[in-house]
Amino acid sequence: MKVKVYSGGKLSEGEFDASSFGDKVLFKTLKSSVVAYQANQRQGTVKTKGRSEVHGSGKKPWAQKHTGQARAGDKKSPLWRKGGTIFGPLPRDYRQDLPIRERRVALRSALAGKFKDGEVIVSDFSGFTAPSAKAARKLLADAGAKRALVVLSEPRENVWKSFRNFPGVSVRTAKDLCAFDVVAGGTVFAEKAALALVAERVGPAKTSGKAAANAAKVGC
């Protein structure tokens, strides 16, 4: 399929075989993966004190009857200032576990959707021989991307330092990439070697009969 290629400071078109990522976007699987990722980022450490935990006396402040005031049991009542909290949040574990196979399918599906929407740009990042925010800004401007995900085959300090201060831009390696990164990343700038590593990670996609027939016609 035709994809955008950024090389030598210029944006052009080229051919790329994206068949390993499939031709379908599995929205239900993709949503499950994204929700699980977001849930796993929650610390779950928020804590409020109930009436048995706040500081204060347990003595009854005044008699039950004949005082002209409302009944009160102690100063730690939730109705009083500095009293305990009713049904407040307590520490809990929000973690959701997904099978590794489902996570791989979600990543493959997310990339298939990006290729389908034309939001993948293959780049070699050859111009980043040193940290350069100017070069990074030019790359984003040439592609017209406000949000971007940079995918590298291996850690490259010069590329990371060039993009780290841009809001809405994240840098990931192929082994650390997940479906949430792709969905929330906007335009994907990826090395060809990085896409090959991701394709190897997620495994081959099942090709539909129609897509297989078309591939046979063109000799893919």
N, C-alpha and C. Protein backbone atom coordinates (compact mmCIF):
# COMPACT_ATOMS: atom_id res chain seq x y z
N MET A 1 0.84 -1.18 0.00
CA MET A 1 0.00 0.00 0.00
C MET A 1 0.89 1.25 0.00
N LYS A 2 0.30 2.37 -0.41
CA LYS A 2 1.04 3.62 -0.46
C LYS A 2 1.03 4.28 0.92
N VAL A 3 2.20 4.71 1.36
CA VAL A 3 2.33 5.43 2.63
C VAL A 3 3.21 6.64 2.41
N LYS A 4 3.14 7.58 3.34
CA LYS A 4 4.00 8.75 3.29
C LYS A 4 5.39 8.38 3.82
N VAL A 5 6.40 8.93 3.18
CA VAL A 5 7.79 8.67 3.57
C VAL A 5 8.47 10.01 3.81
N TYR A 6 9.13 10.12 4.95
CA TYR A 6 9.87 11.36 5.26
C TYR A 6 11.35 11.01 5.32
N SER A 7 12.10 11.54 4.37
CA SER A 7 13.53 11.26 4.30
C SER A 7 14.25 12.46 3.70
N GLY A 8 15.40 12.77 4.25
CA GLY A 8 16.18 13.89 3.75
C GLY A 8 15.50 15.23 3.89
N GLY A 9 14.61 15.35 4.88
CA GLY A 9 13.91 16.61 5.11
C GLY A 9 12.75 16.85 4.15
N LYS A 10 12.36 15.83 3.40
CA LYS A 10 11.26 15.98 2.44
C LYS A 10 10.23 14.88 2.65
N LEU A 11 8.97 15.23 2.38
CA LEU A 11 7.86 14.30 2.50
C LEU A 11 7.45 13.83 1.12
N SER A 12 7.40 12.51 0.94
CA SER A 12 7.03 11.94 -0.36
C SER A 12 6.16 10.70 -0.12
N GLU A 13 5.86 10.00 -1.21
CA GLU A 13 5.06 8.78 -1.12
C GLU A 13 5.90 7.58 -1.51
N GLY A 14 5.60 6.46 -0.87
CA GLY A 14 6.31 5.22 -1.19
C GLY A 14 5.42 4.02 -0.93
N GLU A 15 5.94 2.85 -1.24
CA GLU A 15 5.20 1.60 -1.05
C GLU A 15 5.65 0.93 0.24
N PHE A 16 4.68 0.35 0.95
CA PHE A 16 5.00 -0.38 2.17
C PHE A 16 4.02 -1.55 2.31
N ASP A 17 4.56 -2.71 2.67
CA ASP A 17 3.72 -3.90 2.84
C ASP A 17 3.19 -3.94 4.28
N ALA A 18 1.92 -3.56 4.44
CA ALA A 18 1.31 -3.54 5.77
C ALA A 18 0.37 -4.72 5.98
N SER A 19 0.51 -5.75 5.15
CA SER A 19 -0.40 -6.89 5.24
C SER A 19 -0.27 -7.65 6.57
N SER A 20 0.90 -7.56 7.21
CA SER A 20 1.11 -8.28 8.47
C SER A 20 0.25 -7.71 9.59
N PHE A 21 -0.26 -6.48 9.42
CA PHE A 21 -1.11 -5.88 10.44
C PHE A 21 -2.59 -6.12 10.17
N GLY A 22 -2.92 -6.76 9.06
CA GLY A 22 -4.30 -7.09 8.76
C GLY A 22 -5.04 -5.95 8.09
N ASP A 23 -6.31 -6.20 7.81
CA ASP A 23 -7.14 -5.20 7.14
C ASP A 23 -8.41 -4.88 7.92
N LYS A 24 -8.47 -5.32 9.19
CA LYS A 24 -9.65 -5.06 10.01
C LYS A 24 -9.24 -4.37 11.31
N VAL A 25 -10.14 -3.52 11.80
CA VAL A 25 -9.95 -2.87 13.10
C VAL A 25 -10.95 -3.49 14.07
N LEU A 26 -10.44 -4.22 15.04
CA LEU A 26 -11.29 -4.88 16.02
C LEU A 26 -11.55 -3.91 17.17
N PHE A 27 -12.62 -3.15 17.05
CA PHE A 27 -12.87 -2.04 17.98
C PHE A 27 -13.10 -2.52 19.41
N LYS A 28 -13.78 -3.65 19.59
CA LYS A 28 -14.06 -4.13 20.94
C LYS A 28 -12.78 -4.54 21.65
N THR A 29 -11.92 -5.26 20.95
CA THR A 29 -10.64 -5.67 21.52
C THR A 29 -9.76 -4.46 21.79
N LEU A 30 -9.79 -3.51 20.86
CA LEU A 30 -8.99 -2.29 21.00
C LEU A 30 -9.44 -1.49 22.23
N LYS A 31 -10.75 -1.36 22.41
CA LYS A 31 -11.26 -0.63 23.57
C LYS A 31 -10.89 -1.32 24.87
N SER A 32 -10.99 -2.65 24.92
CA SER A 32 -10.64 -3.39 26.13
C SER A 32 -9.19 -3.16 26.52
N SER A 33 -8.31 -3.13 25.52
CA SER A 33 -6.89 -2.92 25.77
C SER A 33 -6.61 -1.51 26.29
N VAL A 34 -7.26 -0.51 25.69
CA VAL A 34 -7.05 0.87 26.10
C VAL A 34 -7.57 1.11 27.51
N VAL A 35 -8.78 0.59 27.81
CA VAL A 35 -9.37 0.76 29.14
C VAL A 35 -8.51 0.07 30.20
N ALA A 36 -8.00 -1.12 29.88
CA ALA A 36 -7.15 -1.85 30.82
C ALA A 36 -5.85 -1.08 31.08
N TYR A 37 -5.28 -0.51 30.03
CA TYR A 37 -4.04 0.27 30.19
C TYR A 37 -4.28 1.48 31.10
N GLN A 38 -5.37 2.20 30.86
CA GLN A 38 -5.67 3.38 31.68
C GLN A 38 -5.96 2.98 33.13
N ALA A 39 -6.65 1.87 33.33
CA ALA A 39 -6.94 1.41 34.69
C ALA A 39 -5.65 1.04 35.41
N ASN A 40 -4.70 0.44 34.70
CA ASN A 40 -3.45 0.02 35.32
C ASN A 40 -2.54 1.19 35.68
N GLN A 41 -2.83 2.37 35.14
CA GLN A 41 -2.04 3.55 35.48
C GLN A 41 -2.51 4.20 36.79
N ARG A 42 -3.68 3.81 37.25
CA ARG A 42 -4.23 4.41 38.48
C ARG A 42 -3.50 3.84 39.70
N GLN A 43 -3.10 4.72 40.61
CA GLN A 43 -2.39 4.29 41.80
C GLN A 43 -3.32 3.66 42.83
N GLY A 44 -4.52 4.17 42.93
CA GLY A 44 -5.46 3.61 43.89
C GLY A 44 -5.06 3.84 45.34
N THR A 45 -4.35 4.94 45.61
CA THR A 45 -3.85 5.20 46.96
C THR A 45 -4.66 6.27 47.70
N VAL A 46 -5.72 6.77 47.10
CA VAL A 46 -6.51 7.83 47.75
C VAL A 46 -7.19 7.26 49.00
N LYS A 47 -7.24 8.08 50.06
CA LYS A 47 -7.76 7.59 51.34
C LYS A 47 -8.44 8.72 52.09
N THR A 48 -9.62 8.46 52.62
CA THR A 48 -10.29 9.41 53.51
C THR A 48 -10.54 8.72 54.85
N LYS A 49 -10.70 9.53 55.89
CA LYS A 49 -10.90 8.99 57.23
C LYS A 49 -12.39 8.96 57.59
N GLY A 50 -12.81 7.83 58.14
CA GLY A 50 -14.17 7.71 58.64
C GLY A 50 -14.28 8.26 60.05
N ARG A 51 -15.47 8.17 60.65
CA ARG A 51 -15.67 8.76 61.97
C ARG A 51 -14.89 8.04 63.05
N SER A 52 -14.48 6.83 62.82
CA SER A 52 -13.69 6.09 63.81
C SER A 52 -12.20 6.43 63.72
N GLU A 53 -11.80 7.19 62.67
CA GLU A 53 -10.38 7.47 62.46
C GLU A 53 -10.00 8.93 62.69
N VAL A 54 -10.96 9.85 62.63
CA VAL A 54 -10.63 11.26 62.80
C VAL A 54 -10.34 11.57 64.27
N HIS A 55 -9.58 12.65 64.49
CA HIS A 55 -9.22 13.05 65.85
C HIS A 55 -10.42 13.72 66.53
N GLY A 56 -10.65 13.36 67.75
CA GLY A 56 -11.75 13.97 68.49
C GLY A 56 -12.25 13.07 69.60
N SER A 57 -13.03 13.64 70.49
CA SER A 57 -13.56 12.90 71.63
C SER A 57 -14.82 12.13 71.23
N GLY A 58 -15.00 11.02 71.86
CA GLY A 58 -16.22 10.25 71.63
C GLY A 58 -17.32 10.57 72.63
N LYS A 59 -17.07 11.59 73.44
CA LYS A 59 -18.05 11.96 74.47
C LYS A 59 -19.26 12.65 73.84
N LYS A 60 -20.41 12.39 74.38
CA LYS A 60 -21.63 13.04 73.89
C LYS A 60 -21.58 14.53 74.27
N PRO A 61 -21.71 15.43 73.31
CA PRO A 61 -21.50 16.87 73.60
C PRO A 61 -22.56 17.47 74.53
N TRP A 62 -23.81 17.01 74.49
CA TRP A 62 -24.86 17.51 75.39
C TRP A 62 -25.92 16.43 75.55
N ALA A 63 -26.82 16.69 76.42
CA ALA A 63 -27.86 15.70 76.71
C ALA A 63 -28.73 15.45 75.48
N GLN A 64 -29.34 14.28 75.46
CA GLN A 64 -30.14 13.88 74.30
C GLN A 64 -31.39 14.76 74.15
N LYS A 65 -32.00 15.11 75.24
CA LYS A 65 -33.29 15.83 75.18
C LYS A 65 -33.26 17.13 76.01
N HIS A 66 -34.27 17.96 75.72
CA HIS A 66 -34.55 19.17 76.51
C HIS A 66 -33.44 20.22 76.45
N THR A 67 -32.70 20.28 75.36
CA THR A 67 -31.67 21.32 75.23
C THR A 67 -32.02 22.32 74.12
N GLY A 68 -33.01 22.01 73.32
CA GLY A 68 -33.37 22.88 72.21
C GLY A 68 -32.45 22.72 71.00
N GLN A 69 -31.52 21.79 71.09
CA GLN A 69 -30.59 21.55 69.97
C GLN A 69 -30.83 20.17 69.37
N ALA A 70 -30.32 19.99 68.18
CA ALA A 70 -30.45 18.69 67.53
C ALA A 70 -29.64 17.64 68.30
N ARG A 71 -30.07 16.41 68.19
CA ARG A 71 -29.37 15.32 68.87
C ARG A 71 -27.97 15.15 68.29
N ALA A 72 -27.00 14.84 69.13
CA ALA A 72 -25.62 14.65 68.68
C ALA A 72 -24.98 13.56 69.53
N GLY A 73 -24.29 12.66 68.86
CA GLY A 73 -23.65 11.55 69.58
C GLY A 73 -22.21 11.85 69.95
N ASP A 74 -21.45 12.43 69.02
CA ASP A 74 -20.06 12.81 69.30
C ASP A 74 -19.61 13.84 68.27
N LYS A 75 -18.44 14.43 68.50
CA LYS A 75 -17.93 15.48 67.63
C LYS A 75 -17.37 14.94 66.30
N LYS A 76 -17.27 13.63 66.20
CA LYS A 76 -16.71 13.03 64.98
C LYS A 76 -17.79 12.67 63.96
N SER A 77 -18.99 13.14 64.21
CA SER A 77 -20.09 12.86 63.29
C SER A 77 -19.79 13.44 61.90
N PRO A 78 -20.14 12.76 60.84
CA PRO A 78 -19.94 13.30 59.49
C PRO A 78 -20.68 14.61 59.24
N LEU A 79 -21.68 14.93 60.07
CA LEU A 79 -22.43 16.16 59.89
C LEU A 79 -21.70 17.37 60.47
N TRP A 80 -20.71 17.12 61.26
CA TRP A 80 -19.96 18.20 61.92
C TRP A 80 -18.70 18.55 61.14
N ARG A 81 -18.27 19.80 61.33
CA ARG A 81 -17.00 20.23 60.75
C ARG A 81 -15.86 19.40 61.35
N LYS A 82 -14.94 18.97 60.52
CA LYS A 82 -13.82 18.10 60.90
C LYS A 82 -14.26 16.70 61.29
N GLY A 83 -15.50 16.35 60.94
CA GLY A 83 -15.98 15.01 61.23
C GLY A 83 -15.51 14.02 60.18
N GLY A 84 -15.87 12.77 60.36
CA GLY A 84 -15.47 11.73 59.42
C GLY A 84 -16.21 11.83 58.10
N THR A 85 -15.73 11.10 57.10
CA THR A 85 -16.34 11.11 55.77
C THR A 85 -17.21 9.86 55.61
N ILE A 86 -18.38 10.07 55.03
CA ILE A 86 -19.29 8.94 54.79
C ILE A 86 -18.96 8.29 53.46
N PHE A 87 -18.70 7.00 53.47
CA PHE A 87 -18.46 6.24 52.24
C PHE A 87 -17.37 6.89 51.37
N GLY A 88 -16.33 7.38 51.99
CA GLY A 88 -15.24 7.99 51.24
C GLY A 88 -14.40 6.95 50.52
N PRO A 89 -13.57 7.37 49.55
CA PRO A 89 -12.73 6.42 48.81
C PRO A 89 -11.66 5.82 49.71
N LEU A 90 -11.36 4.56 49.49
CA LEU A 90 -10.34 3.83 50.23
C LEU A 90 -9.35 3.22 49.25
N PRO A 91 -8.14 2.90 49.70
CA PRO A 91 -7.16 2.28 48.78
C PRO A 91 -7.72 1.02 48.13
N ARG A 92 -7.52 0.91 46.83
CA ARG A 92 -7.99 -0.27 46.11
C ARG A 92 -7.12 -0.50 44.88
N ASP A 93 -7.21 -1.67 44.34
CA ASP A 93 -6.42 -2.05 43.17
C ASP A 93 -7.33 -2.00 41.95
N TYR A 94 -7.00 -1.13 40.99
CA TYR A 94 -7.82 -0.98 39.78
C TYR A 94 -7.31 -1.87 38.63
N ARG A 95 -6.29 -2.66 38.87
CA ARG A 95 -5.63 -3.38 37.79
C ARG A 95 -6.57 -4.32 37.05
N GLN A 96 -6.42 -4.32 35.73
CA GLN A 96 -7.15 -5.26 34.87
C GLN A 96 -6.12 -6.06 34.06
N ASP A 97 -6.23 -7.35 34.11
CA ASP A 97 -5.29 -8.22 33.39
C ASP A 97 -5.92 -8.70 32.09
N LEU A 98 -5.18 -8.54 31.00
CA LEU A 98 -5.61 -9.04 29.70
C LEU A 98 -4.62 -10.09 29.21
N PRO A 99 -5.09 -11.11 28.53
CA PRO A 99 -4.17 -12.09 27.97
C PRO A 99 -3.19 -11.43 27.01
N ILE A 100 -1.96 -11.89 26.98
CA ILE A 100 -0.95 -11.28 26.11
C ILE A 100 -1.36 -11.37 24.65
N ARG A 101 -2.07 -12.42 24.30
CA ARG A 101 -2.51 -12.56 22.92
C ARG A 101 -3.50 -11.46 22.55
N GLU A 102 -4.39 -11.13 23.49
CA GLU A 102 -5.37 -10.06 23.23
C GLU A 102 -4.67 -8.71 23.11
N ARG A 103 -3.65 -8.47 23.92
CA ARG A 103 -2.91 -7.21 23.84
C ARG A 103 -2.18 -7.09 22.51
N ARG A 104 -1.66 -8.19 22.02
CA ARG A 104 -0.97 -8.18 20.72
C ARG A 104 -1.96 -7.92 19.58
N VAL A 105 -3.12 -8.54 19.67
CA VAL A 105 -4.15 -8.33 18.64
C VAL A 105 -4.60 -6.87 18.65
N ALA A 106 -4.72 -6.28 19.85
CA ALA A 106 -5.14 -4.88 19.96
C ALA A 106 -4.10 -3.95 19.33
N LEU A 107 -2.82 -4.22 19.57
CA LEU A 107 -1.76 -3.40 18.98
C LEU A 107 -1.77 -3.53 17.46
N ARG A 108 -1.93 -4.74 16.98
CA ARG A 108 -1.99 -4.96 15.53
C ARG A 108 -3.18 -4.25 14.93
N SER A 109 -4.32 -4.30 15.61
CA SER A 109 -5.53 -3.65 15.11
C SER A 109 -5.38 -2.14 15.10
N ALA A 110 -4.73 -1.58 16.14
CA ALA A 110 -4.53 -0.13 16.21
C ALA A 110 -3.66 0.35 15.05
N LEU A 111 -2.61 -0.39 14.75
CA LEU A 111 -1.74 0.00 13.63
C LEU A 111 -2.45 -0.18 12.29
N ALA A 112 -3.28 -1.22 12.19
CA ALA A 112 -4.06 -1.41 10.96
C ALA A 112 -4.97 -0.21 10.72
N GLY A 113 -5.57 0.31 11.79
CA GLY A 113 -6.43 1.49 11.66
C GLY A 113 -5.65 2.72 11.24
N LYS A 114 -4.42 2.88 11.77
CA LYS A 114 -3.58 4.02 11.39
C LYS A 114 -3.18 3.94 9.92
N PHE A 115 -2.81 2.77 9.46
CA PHE A 115 -2.47 2.60 8.04
C PHE A 115 -3.69 2.88 7.16
N LYS A 116 -4.84 2.42 7.61
CA LYS A 116 -6.07 2.61 6.84
C LYS A 116 -6.42 4.08 6.71
N ASP A 117 -6.15 4.85 7.77
CA ASP A 117 -6.47 6.29 7.79
C ASP A 117 -5.34 7.14 7.21
N GLY A 118 -4.26 6.52 6.80
CA GLY A 118 -3.13 7.27 6.23
C GLY A 118 -2.39 8.10 7.26
N GLU A 119 -2.34 7.63 8.50
CA GLU A 119 -1.68 8.38 9.57
C GLU A 119 -0.36 7.77 9.98
N VAL A 120 0.26 7.01 9.09
CA VAL A 120 1.58 6.44 9.35
C VAL A 120 2.58 7.03 8.37
N ILE A 121 3.67 7.56 8.89
CA ILE A 121 4.73 8.12 8.07
C ILE A 121 6.02 7.37 8.37
N VAL A 122 6.60 6.76 7.35
CA VAL A 122 7.85 6.01 7.52
C VAL A 122 9.01 6.99 7.42
N SER A 123 9.85 6.99 8.44
CA SER A 123 10.98 7.92 8.47
C SER A 123 12.21 7.20 9.00
N ASP A 124 13.39 7.60 8.50
CA ASP A 124 14.63 6.99 8.98
C ASP A 124 15.31 7.83 10.06
N PHE A 125 14.83 9.06 10.27
CA PHE A 125 15.40 9.97 11.27
C PHE A 125 16.91 10.13 11.09
N SER A 126 17.33 10.13 9.84
CA SER A 126 18.76 10.23 9.55
C SER A 126 19.33 11.61 9.87
N GLY A 127 18.48 12.62 9.94
CA GLY A 127 18.97 13.97 10.20
C GLY A 127 19.25 14.25 11.67
N PHE A 128 18.93 13.31 12.53
CA PHE A 128 19.12 13.55 13.97
C PHE A 128 20.45 12.96 14.44
N THR A 129 21.53 13.53 13.91
CA THR A 129 22.86 13.11 14.37
C THR A 129 23.22 13.74 15.71
N ALA A 130 22.45 14.74 16.10
CA ALA A 130 22.61 15.41 17.39
C ALA A 130 21.23 15.90 17.81
N PRO A 131 21.01 16.13 19.10
CA PRO A 131 19.70 16.64 19.54
C PRO A 131 19.37 17.96 18.85
N SER A 132 18.19 18.03 18.22
CA SER A 132 17.82 19.23 17.48
C SER A 132 16.30 19.41 17.53
N ALA A 133 15.85 20.34 18.37
CA ALA A 133 14.42 20.65 18.42
C ALA A 133 13.97 21.31 17.12
N LYS A 134 14.88 22.01 16.47
CA LYS A 134 14.55 22.68 15.21
C LYS A 134 14.20 21.65 14.13
N ALA A 135 15.01 20.58 14.04
CA ALA A 135 14.73 19.52 13.07
C ALA A 135 13.43 18.81 13.40
N ALA A 136 13.19 18.61 14.69
CA ALA A 136 11.95 17.94 15.11
C ALA A 136 10.74 18.80 14.77
N ARG A 137 10.85 20.11 14.99
CA ARG A 137 9.75 21.02 14.67
C ARG A 137 9.47 21.04 13.17
N LYS A 138 10.53 21.00 12.37
CA LYS A 138 10.37 21.00 10.91
C LYS A 138 9.67 19.72 10.45
N LEU A 139 10.04 18.58 11.04
CA LEU A 139 9.40 17.31 10.67
C LEU A 139 7.91 17.35 10.97
N LEU A 140 7.55 17.84 12.15
CA LEU A 140 6.14 17.92 12.52
C LEU A 140 5.38 18.90 11.64
N ALA A 141 6.03 20.03 11.31
CA ALA A 141 5.38 21.05 10.48
C ALA A 141 5.17 20.54 9.05
N ASP A 142 6.17 19.86 8.50
CA ASP A 142 6.06 19.33 7.13
C ASP A 142 4.93 18.30 7.02
N ALA A 143 4.73 17.54 8.10
CA ALA A 143 3.67 16.52 8.08
C ALA A 143 2.34 17.08 8.54
N GLY A 144 2.32 18.31 9.05
CA GLY A 144 1.09 18.90 9.55
C GLY A 144 0.53 18.18 10.75
N ALA A 145 1.42 17.70 11.62
CA ALA A 145 1.00 16.91 12.78
C ALA A 145 1.09 17.73 14.06
N LYS A 146 0.00 17.80 14.80
CA LYS A 146 -0.01 18.47 16.10
C LYS A 146 0.29 17.48 17.22
N ARG A 147 -0.18 16.24 17.05
CA ARG A 147 0.15 15.17 17.98
C ARG A 147 0.88 14.09 17.21
N ALA A 148 1.88 13.49 17.82
CA ALA A 148 2.68 12.52 17.08
C ALA A 148 3.23 11.45 18.02
N LEU A 149 3.43 10.28 17.44
CA LEU A 149 4.07 9.16 18.13
C LEU A 149 5.28 8.73 17.31
N VAL A 150 6.44 8.79 17.90
CA VAL A 150 7.69 8.40 17.22
C VAL A 150 8.05 6.99 17.67
N VAL A 151 8.16 6.08 16.72
CA VAL A 151 8.46 4.67 17.03
C VAL A 151 9.84 4.33 16.48
N LEU A 152 10.73 3.90 17.37
CA LEU A 152 12.10 3.58 17.00
C LEU A 152 12.36 2.08 17.17
N SER A 153 13.29 1.57 16.39
CA SER A 153 13.64 0.16 16.50
C SER A 153 14.46 -0.10 17.75
N GLU A 154 15.22 0.89 18.19
CA GLU A 154 16.01 0.79 19.41
C GLU A 154 16.17 2.19 19.99
N PRO A 155 16.51 2.31 21.28
CA PRO A 155 16.63 3.65 21.88
C PRO A 155 17.67 4.51 21.17
N ARG A 156 17.26 5.73 20.84
CA ARG A 156 18.18 6.69 20.21
C ARG A 156 18.06 8.00 20.99
N GLU A 157 19.11 8.31 21.72
CA GLU A 157 19.08 9.46 22.62
C GLU A 157 18.87 10.77 21.89
N ASN A 158 19.47 10.91 20.71
CA ASN A 158 19.35 12.17 19.96
C ASN A 158 17.90 12.43 19.56
N VAL A 159 17.20 11.39 19.13
CA VAL A 159 15.80 11.55 18.72
C VAL A 159 14.93 11.86 19.94
N TRP A 160 15.17 11.15 21.03
CA TRP A 160 14.37 11.37 22.23
C TRP A 160 14.56 12.79 22.76
N LYS A 161 15.79 13.26 22.80
CA LYS A 161 16.06 14.62 23.29
C LYS A 161 15.48 15.68 22.37
N SER A 162 15.36 15.37 21.09
CA SER A 162 14.82 16.34 20.14
C SER A 162 13.32 16.54 20.31
N PHE A 163 12.62 15.47 20.68
CA PHE A 163 11.15 15.53 20.75
C PHE A 163 10.61 15.66 22.17
N ARG A 164 11.44 15.54 23.19
CA ARG A 164 10.91 15.39 24.55
C ARG A 164 10.15 16.60 25.07
N ASN A 165 10.45 17.80 24.58
CA ASN A 165 9.79 19.00 25.09
C ASN A 165 8.57 19.43 24.28
N PHE A 166 8.20 18.65 23.28
CA PHE A 166 7.02 19.00 22.47
C PHE A 166 5.77 18.40 23.10
N PRO A 167 4.78 19.24 23.45
CA PRO A 167 3.55 18.69 24.02
C PRO A 167 2.80 17.85 22.99
N GLY A 168 2.27 16.74 23.43
CA GLY A 168 1.51 15.88 22.53
C GLY A 168 2.36 14.98 21.68
N VAL A 169 3.68 14.93 21.94
CA VAL A 169 4.58 14.06 21.18
C VAL A 169 5.25 13.09 22.14
N SER A 170 5.21 11.80 21.81
CA SER A 170 5.84 10.78 22.64
C SER A 170 6.76 9.92 21.79
N VAL A 171 7.77 9.37 22.42
CA VAL A 171 8.76 8.52 21.73
C VAL A 171 8.74 7.14 22.39
N ARG A 172 8.59 6.11 21.58
CA ARG A 172 8.56 4.73 22.07
C ARG A 172 9.46 3.85 21.21
N THR A 173 9.96 2.78 21.81
CA THR A 173 10.67 1.77 21.04
C THR A 173 9.67 0.69 20.64
N ALA A 174 10.05 -0.12 19.67
CA ALA A 174 9.13 -1.14 19.15
C ALA A 174 8.74 -2.15 20.23
N LYS A 175 9.67 -2.46 21.13
CA LYS A 175 9.35 -3.47 22.16
C LYS A 175 8.45 -2.91 23.26
N ASP A 176 8.41 -1.58 23.42
CA ASP A 176 7.59 -0.97 24.47
C ASP A 176 6.24 -0.47 23.96
N LEU A 177 6.02 -0.53 22.67
CA LEU A 177 4.81 0.03 22.08
C LEU A 177 3.58 -0.76 22.50
N CYS A 178 2.48 -0.05 22.79
CA CYS A 178 1.22 -0.70 23.13
C CYS A 178 0.09 -0.03 22.36
N ALA A 179 -1.10 -0.62 22.42
CA ALA A 179 -2.24 -0.11 21.66
C ALA A 179 -2.62 1.29 22.09
N PHE A 180 -2.52 1.58 23.39
CA PHE A 180 -2.88 2.92 23.87
C PHE A 180 -1.97 3.98 23.25
N ASP A 181 -0.67 3.70 23.14
CA ASP A 181 0.26 4.66 22.54
C ASP A 181 -0.17 5.00 21.12
N VAL A 182 -0.56 3.99 20.37
CA VAL A 182 -0.93 4.19 18.97
C VAL A 182 -2.24 4.98 18.86
N VAL A 183 -3.24 4.60 19.67
CA VAL A 183 -4.54 5.25 19.60
C VAL A 183 -4.46 6.72 20.01
N ALA A 184 -3.70 7.00 21.08
CA ALA A 184 -3.63 8.36 21.61
C ALA A 184 -2.49 9.17 21.01
N GLY A 185 -1.71 8.56 20.13
CA GLY A 185 -0.50 9.23 19.65
C GLY A 185 -0.66 10.15 18.48
N GLY A 186 -1.79 10.12 17.79
CA GLY A 186 -1.94 10.96 16.60
C GLY A 186 -1.20 10.35 15.42
N THR A 187 -0.46 11.18 14.69
CA THR A 187 0.30 10.69 13.53
C THR A 187 1.48 9.85 14.00
N VAL A 188 1.68 8.70 13.37
CA VAL A 188 2.75 7.78 13.75
C VAL A 188 3.93 7.96 12.81
N PHE A 189 5.09 8.36 13.37
CA PHE A 189 6.34 8.42 12.62
C PHE A 189 7.16 7.20 13.04
N ALA A 190 7.40 6.30 12.13
CA ALA A 190 8.04 5.04 12.51
C ALA A 190 9.16 4.68 11.55
N GLU A 191 10.20 4.09 12.09
CA GLU A 191 11.26 3.52 11.26
C GLU A 191 10.75 2.23 10.63
N LYS A 192 11.24 1.94 9.44
CA LYS A 192 10.81 0.70 8.77
C LYS A 192 11.22 -0.51 9.60
N ALA A 193 12.41 -0.47 10.21
CA ALA A 193 12.87 -1.57 11.05
C ALA A 193 12.00 -1.72 12.29
N ALA A 194 11.51 -0.59 12.82
CA ALA A 194 10.64 -0.64 14.00
C ALA A 194 9.31 -1.30 13.66
N LEU A 195 8.75 -0.97 12.50
CA LEU A 195 7.49 -1.60 12.08
C LEU A 195 7.68 -3.10 11.87
N ALA A 196 8.84 -3.49 11.36
CA ALA A 196 9.13 -4.92 11.18
C ALA A 196 9.20 -5.63 12.53
N LEU A 197 9.81 -4.99 13.52
CA LEU A 197 9.89 -5.59 14.85
C LEU A 197 8.52 -5.70 15.50
N VAL A 198 7.68 -4.67 15.30
CA VAL A 198 6.32 -4.72 15.86
C VAL A 198 5.52 -5.83 15.18
N ALA A 199 5.67 -5.95 13.86
CA ALA A 199 4.96 -7.00 13.13
C ALA A 199 5.39 -8.38 13.62
N GLU A 200 6.67 -8.53 13.94
CA GLU A 200 7.16 -9.80 14.47
C GLU A 200 6.60 -10.06 15.87
N ARG A 201 6.43 -8.99 16.65
CA ARG A 201 5.89 -9.11 18.00
C ARG A 201 4.44 -9.56 18.00
N VAL A 202 3.63 -8.92 17.18
CA VAL A 202 2.18 -9.17 17.21
C VAL A 202 1.79 -10.41 16.43
N GLY A 203 2.67 -10.90 15.56
CA GLY A 203 2.35 -12.07 14.77
C GLY A 203 1.52 -11.74 13.55
N PRO A 204 1.41 -12.68 12.62
CA PRO A 204 0.65 -12.42 11.39
C PRO A 204 -0.84 -12.33 11.64
N ALA A 205 -1.49 -11.47 10.87
CA ALA A 205 -2.95 -11.31 10.99
C ALA A 205 -3.64 -12.26 10.03
N LYS A 206 -4.84 -12.68 10.40
CA LYS A 206 -5.64 -13.51 9.51
C LYS A 206 -6.21 -12.63 8.41
N THR A 207 -5.91 -12.96 7.17
CA THR A 207 -6.35 -12.17 6.04
C THR A 207 -7.70 -12.67 5.56
N SER A 208 -8.61 -11.74 5.31
CA SER A 208 -9.94 -12.12 4.82
C SER A 208 -9.82 -12.71 3.41
N GLY A 209 -10.86 -13.44 2.99
CA GLY A 209 -10.84 -14.08 1.68
C GLY A 209 -10.69 -13.08 0.55
N LYS A 210 -11.38 -11.94 0.64
CA LYS A 210 -11.32 -10.92 -0.40
C LYS A 210 -9.92 -10.33 -0.49
N ALA A 211 -9.31 -10.04 0.70
CA ALA A 211 -7.97 -9.47 0.70
C ALA A 211 -6.96 -10.47 0.17
N ALA A 212 -7.14 -11.75 0.51
CA ALA A 212 -6.22 -12.77 0.02
C ALA A 212 -6.30 -12.89 -1.50
N ALA A 213 -7.53 -12.80 -2.05
CA ALA A 213 -7.69 -12.89 -3.49
C ALA A 213 -7.02 -11.71 -4.19
N ASN A 214 -7.17 -10.51 -3.62
CA ASN A 214 -6.52 -9.34 -4.19
C ASN A 214 -5.02 -9.43 -4.13
N ALA A 215 -4.52 -9.99 -3.03
CA ALA A 215 -3.06 -10.14 -2.89
C ALA A 215 -2.53 -11.14 -3.91
N ALA A 216 -3.31 -12.18 -4.20
CA ALA A 216 -2.88 -13.17 -5.18
C ALA A 216 -2.82 -12.58 -6.57
N LYS A 217 -3.75 -11.64 -6.87
CA LYS A 217 -3.77 -11.02 -8.19
C LYS A 217 -2.55 -10.16 -8.45
N VAL A 218 -2.11 -9.44 -7.39
CA VAL A 218 -0.98 -8.54 -7.59
C VAL A 218 0.35 -9.23 -7.26
N GLY A 219 0.28 -10.48 -6.85
CA GLY A 219 1.50 -11.23 -6.60
C GLY A 219 2.19 -10.88 -5.29
N CYS A 220 1.41 -10.52 -4.25
CA CYS A 220 2.00 -10.17 -2.95
C CYS A 220 2.41 -11.43 -2.20
